[in-house]
Amino acid sequence: MDITDIGKGSIVQSVAGRDKGHIFFVLDTIGDYALLVDGKIRRIENPKTKKIKHVRFLARREDMRVYSKIAAGIRPDNAELRKAVALFADSENESS
């Protein structure tokens, strides 16, 4: 996968900074930056602005309800984000 794959609703992992290793959803992209949320550390009301080169693309899960909301421009609530990130992290740990 490539940096160009990162877009609304993508699931990414931070590779630099204090939040290194954390999994986030991309709320939106603005130029070379992505707005990241996870519902816990970075809530929907205060997304993290991070350079796209400092995140690693993990997946684009169209089957997740959160992805559908973000892609449609609807803001999911923080509980939905937390559950989706936890579900994705659990599925990644099982496949490893």
Protein backbone atom coordinates (compact mmCIF):
# COMPACT_ATOMS: atom_id res chain seq x y z
CA MET A 1 0.00 0.00 0.00
CA ASP A 2 0.99 3.59 -0.56
CA ILE A 3 0.55 7.02 0.99
CA THR A 4 -1.93 7.78 -1.79
CA ASP A 5 -4.22 5.07 -0.37
CA ILE A 6 -4.77 7.11 2.79
CA GLY A 7 -8.13 8.84 2.65
CA LYS A 8 -11.37 9.34 4.56
CA GLY A 9 -12.19 6.31 6.66
CA SER A 10 -8.79 4.61 6.28
CA ILE A 11 -7.31 2.87 9.29
CA VAL A 12 -3.73 3.96 9.96
CA GLN A 13 -1.03 3.47 12.56
CA SER A 14 1.18 6.27 13.81
CA VAL A 15 4.88 5.64 13.13
CA ALA A 16 6.32 8.79 14.73
CA GLY A 17 5.70 10.96 17.74
CA ARG A 18 4.23 10.37 21.20
CA ASP A 19 1.37 8.38 19.76
CA LYS A 20 3.68 5.95 17.91
CA GLY A 21 1.99 2.57 17.49
CA HIS A 22 -1.56 3.84 18.07
CA ILE A 23 -4.30 2.99 15.59
CA PHE A 24 -6.53 5.76 14.24
CA PHE A 25 -9.25 6.41 11.68
CA VAL A 26 -8.61 9.16 9.14
CA LEU A 27 -11.42 11.69 9.49
CA ASP A 28 -10.20 13.75 6.53
CA THR A 29 -7.06 14.74 4.65
CA ILE A 30 -5.90 18.30 4.02
CA GLY A 31 -2.91 18.53 1.72
CA ASP A 32 -0.03 16.60 3.30
CA TYR A 33 -1.90 16.23 6.61
CA ALA A 34 -4.45 13.77 7.95
CA LEU A 35 -6.98 14.41 10.71
CA LEU A 36 -6.84 11.37 13.00
CA VAL A 37 -9.39 10.18 15.56
CA ASP A 38 -9.75 7.09 17.74
CA GLY A 39 -12.47 8.09 20.20
CA LYS A 40 -10.19 7.75 23.21
CA ILE A 41 -6.90 9.64 22.96
CA ARG A 42 -8.11 11.74 20.05
CA ARG A 43 -11.79 12.39 20.25
CA ILE A 44 -13.98 13.44 17.32
CA GLU A 45 -14.22 16.98 18.75
CA ASN A 46 -10.44 17.43 18.68
CA PRO A 47 -8.79 15.41 15.88
CA LYS A 48 -5.01 15.04 15.69
CA THR A 49 -3.39 16.75 12.73
CA LYS A 50 -0.46 14.64 11.58
CA LYS A 51 1.65 14.56 8.44
CA ILE A 52 0.65 11.68 6.19
CA LYS A 53 4.28 10.55 5.95
CA HIS A 54 4.18 9.87 9.71
CA VAL A 55 1.38 7.30 9.49
CA ARG A 56 1.27 3.82 7.98
CA PHE A 57 -1.78 2.65 6.04
CA LEU A 58 -3.28 -0.50 7.57
CA ALA A 59 -6.66 -1.02 5.93
CA ARG A 60 -9.77 0.43 4.40
CA ARG A 61 -12.68 -1.54 5.85
CA GLU A 62 -15.80 -0.70 3.88
CA ASP A 63 -17.72 -3.27 5.93
CA MET A 64 -17.30 -1.21 9.11
CA ARG A 65 -20.09 1.16 10.07
CA VAL A 66 -17.60 3.86 11.08
CA TYR A 67 -16.05 3.84 7.59
CA SER A 68 -19.49 4.31 6.02
CA LYS A 69 -20.25 7.26 8.28
CA ILE A 70 -16.92 9.00 7.69
CA ALA A 71 -17.10 8.45 3.93
CA ALA A 72 -20.63 9.92 3.89
CA GLY A 73 -19.49 12.97 5.86
CA ILE A 74 -21.38 11.97 9.02
CA ARG A 75 -19.43 12.29 12.26
CA PRO A 76 -19.48 9.03 14.23
CA ASP A 77 -19.56 9.28 18.01
CA ASN A 78 -16.54 8.48 20.16
CA ALA A 79 -17.97 5.19 21.45
CA GLU A 80 -18.34 3.89 17.88
CA LEU A 81 -14.75 4.88 17.12
CA ARG A 82 -13.39 3.16 20.24
CA LYS A 83 -15.27 -0.05 19.46
CA ALA A 84 -14.17 -0.08 15.83
CA VAL A 85 -10.49 0.51 16.72
CA ALA A 86 -10.62 -2.24 19.37
CA LEU A 87 -12.33 -4.62 16.95
CA PHE A 88 -9.73 -3.92 14.27
CA ALA A 89 -6.83 -4.29 16.73
CA ASP A 90 -8.22 -7.63 17.96
CA SER A 91 -8.61 -8.93 14.40
CA GLU A 92 -5.04 -7.87 13.59
CA ASN A 93 -3.68 -9.65 16.68
CA GLU A 94 -5.52 -12.86 15.78
CA SER A 95 -4.19 -12.87 12.23
CA SER A 96 -0.58 -12.31 13.37
